[in-house]
Amino acid sequence: MNVVDSSGWIEFALDGPNAGIFEPPLLDTANLVVPSIPVFEVYRYSVARVHEATLWTQDADLRGLDGVKYVDAHGSR
């Protein structure tokens, strides 16, 4: 049986420099055991990255540009 921790899943998903180390056990699904803790940790990592990306799109420097209607997270203009 193979168990891969959350760092291995993330490395493989992002095709990091060590992704090849994790590929064989992850693709051998007949022998792969996936505990709930790594599932939660990968989920938490993913949500944090999505949140970080959305913050980049909320740039107050756009306020005052012609033709741009800026609305912040609280609906203020």
C-alpha atoms as a PDB file:
ATOM      1  CA  MET A   1       0.000   0.000   0.000  1.00  0.00           C
ATOM      2  CA  ASN A   2       1.125   3.542  -0.744  1.00  0.00           C
ATOM      3  CA  VAL A   3       0.291   6.657   1.277  1.00  0.00           C
ATOM      4  CA  VAL A   4       1.368  10.036  -0.110  1.00  0.00           C
ATOM      5  CA  ASP A   5       1.334  13.066   2.158  1.00  0.00           C
ATOM      6  CA  SER A   6      -0.150  16.403   1.145  1.00  0.00           C
ATOM      7  CA  SER A   7       3.186  17.824  -0.002  1.00  0.00           C
ATOM      8  CA  GLY A   8       3.491  14.974  -2.508  1.00  0.00           C
ATOM      9  CA  TRP A   9       0.008  15.570  -3.900  1.00  0.00           C
ATOM     10  CA  ILE A  10       0.699  19.289  -4.250  1.00  0.00           C
ATOM     11  CA  GLU A  11       4.117  18.698  -5.821  1.00  0.00           C
ATOM     12  CA  PHE A  12       2.575  16.299  -8.340  1.00  0.00           C
ATOM     13  CA  ALA A  13      -0.428  18.541  -9.101  1.00  0.00           C
ATOM     14  CA  LEU A  14       1.791  21.573  -9.707  1.00  0.00           C
ATOM     15  CA  ASP A  15       4.320  19.535 -11.706  1.00  0.00           C
ATOM     16  CA  GLY A  16       7.075  20.638  -9.346  1.00  0.00           C
ATOM     17  CA  PRO A  17      10.697  19.519  -9.631  1.00  0.00           C
ATOM     18  CA  ASN A  18      10.013  16.398  -7.530  1.00  0.00           C
ATOM     19  CA  ALA A  19       6.705  15.463  -9.170  1.00  0.00           C
ATOM     20  CA  GLY A  20       8.298  12.390 -10.748  1.00  0.00           C
ATOM     21  CA  ILE A  21       9.022  10.931  -7.318  1.00  0.00           C
ATOM     22  CA  PHE A  22       5.335  10.941  -6.468  1.00  0.00           C
ATOM     23  CA  GLU A  23       3.966   9.887  -9.865  1.00  0.00           C
ATOM     24  CA  PRO A  24       4.409   6.089  -9.540  1.00  0.00           C
ATOM     25  CA  PRO A  25       2.623   5.696  -6.188  1.00  0.00           C
ATOM     26  CA  LEU A  26      -0.127   8.169  -7.128  1.00  0.00           C
ATOM     27  CA  LEU A  27      -0.880   6.449 -10.430  1.00  0.00           C
ATOM     28  CA  ASP A  28      -0.884   3.008  -8.825  1.00  0.00           C
ATOM     29  CA  THR A  29      -4.436   3.523  -7.607  1.00  0.00           C
ATOM     30  CA  ALA A  30      -4.948  -0.162  -6.782  1.00  0.00           C
ATOM     31  CA  ASN A  31      -2.377   0.235  -4.003  1.00  0.00           C
ATOM     32  CA  LEU A  32      -3.047   3.855  -3.030  1.00  0.00           C
ATOM     33  CA  VAL A  33      -4.519   4.711   0.356  1.00  0.00           C
ATOM     34  CA  VAL A  34      -5.738   8.302   0.716  1.00  0.00           C
ATOM     35  CA  PRO A  35      -6.322   9.338   4.343  1.00  0.00           C
ATOM     36  CA  SER A  36      -8.677  12.225   5.029  1.00  0.00           C
ATOM     37  CA  ILE A  37      -5.963  14.456   6.545  1.00  0.00           C
ATOM     38  CA  PRO A  38      -3.972  14.889   3.278  1.00  0.00           C
ATOM     39  CA  VAL A  39      -7.258  15.479   1.418  1.00  0.00           C
ATOM     40  CA  PHE A  40      -8.100  18.284   3.839  1.00  0.00           C
ATOM     41  CA  GLU A  41      -4.571  19.739   3.705  1.00  0.00           C
ATOM     42  CA  VAL A  42      -4.553  19.813  -0.111  1.00  0.00           C
ATOM     43  CA  TYR A  43      -8.020  21.412  -0.053  1.00  0.00           C
ATOM     44  CA  ARG A  44      -6.852  24.018   2.469  1.00  0.00           C
ATOM     45  CA  TYR A  45      -3.749  24.762   0.367  1.00  0.00           C
ATOM     46  CA  SER A  46      -5.878  25.125  -2.773  1.00  0.00           C
ATOM     47  CA  VAL A  47      -8.369  27.463  -1.119  1.00  0.00           C
ATOM     48  CA  ALA A  48      -5.528  29.621   0.211  1.00  0.00           C
ATOM     49  CA  ARG A  49      -4.007  29.916  -3.280  1.00  0.00           C
ATOM     50  CA  VAL A  50      -7.394  30.818  -4.816  1.00  0.00           C
ATOM     51  CA  HIS A  51      -7.973  33.411  -2.103  1.00  0.00           C
ATOM     52  CA  GLU A  52      -4.518  34.864  -2.747  1.00  0.00           C
ATOM     53  CA  ALA A  53      -5.258  35.069  -6.477  1.00  0.00           C
ATOM     54  CA  THR A  54      -8.566  36.854  -5.918  1.00  0.00           C
ATOM     55  CA  LEU A  55      -6.832  39.436  -3.738  1.00  0.00           C
ATOM     56  CA  TRP A  56      -4.578  40.294  -6.679  1.00  0.00           C
ATOM     57  CA  THR A  57      -7.668  41.173  -8.710  1.00  0.00           C
ATOM     58  CA  GLN A  58      -8.882  43.654  -6.082  1.00  0.00           C
ATOM     59  CA  ASP A  59      -6.490  46.451  -6.857  1.00  0.00           C
ATOM     60  CA  ALA A  60      -7.521  49.845  -5.474  1.00  0.00           C
ATOM     61  CA  ASP A  61      -5.062  51.518  -7.871  1.00  0.00           C
ATOM     62  CA  LEU A  62      -7.727  51.202 -10.551  1.00  0.00           C
ATOM     63  CA  ARG A  63      -9.874  53.749  -8.689  1.00  0.00           C
ATOM     64  CA  GLY A  64     -10.144  57.011 -10.588  1.00  0.00           C
ATOM     65  CA  LEU A  65      -9.300  55.655 -14.042  1.00  0.00           C
ATOM     66  CA  ASP A  66     -11.585  56.906 -16.807  1.00  0.00           C
ATOM     67  CA  GLY A  67     -14.269  54.368 -17.699  1.00  0.00           C
ATOM     68  CA  VAL A  68     -13.519  52.146 -14.680  1.00  0.00           C
ATOM     69  CA  LYS A  69     -16.158  51.595 -12.017  1.00  0.00           C
ATOM     70  CA  TYR A  70     -14.269  50.407  -8.943  1.00  0.00           C
ATOM     71  CA  VAL A  71     -16.222  48.464  -6.323  1.00  0.00           C
ATOM     72  CA  ASP A  72     -14.407  47.154  -3.233  1.00  0.00           C
ATOM     73  CA  ALA A  73     -15.201  44.020  -1.218  1.00  0.00           C
ATOM     74  CA  HIS A  74     -17.771  45.930   0.835  1.00  0.00           C
ATOM     75  CA  GLY A  75     -19.615  47.283  -2.199  1.00  0.00           C
ATOM     76  CA  SER A  76     -18.194  50.792  -1.713  1.00  0.00           C
ATOM     77  CA  ARG A  77     -17.328  52.897  -4.708  1.00  0.00           C
END
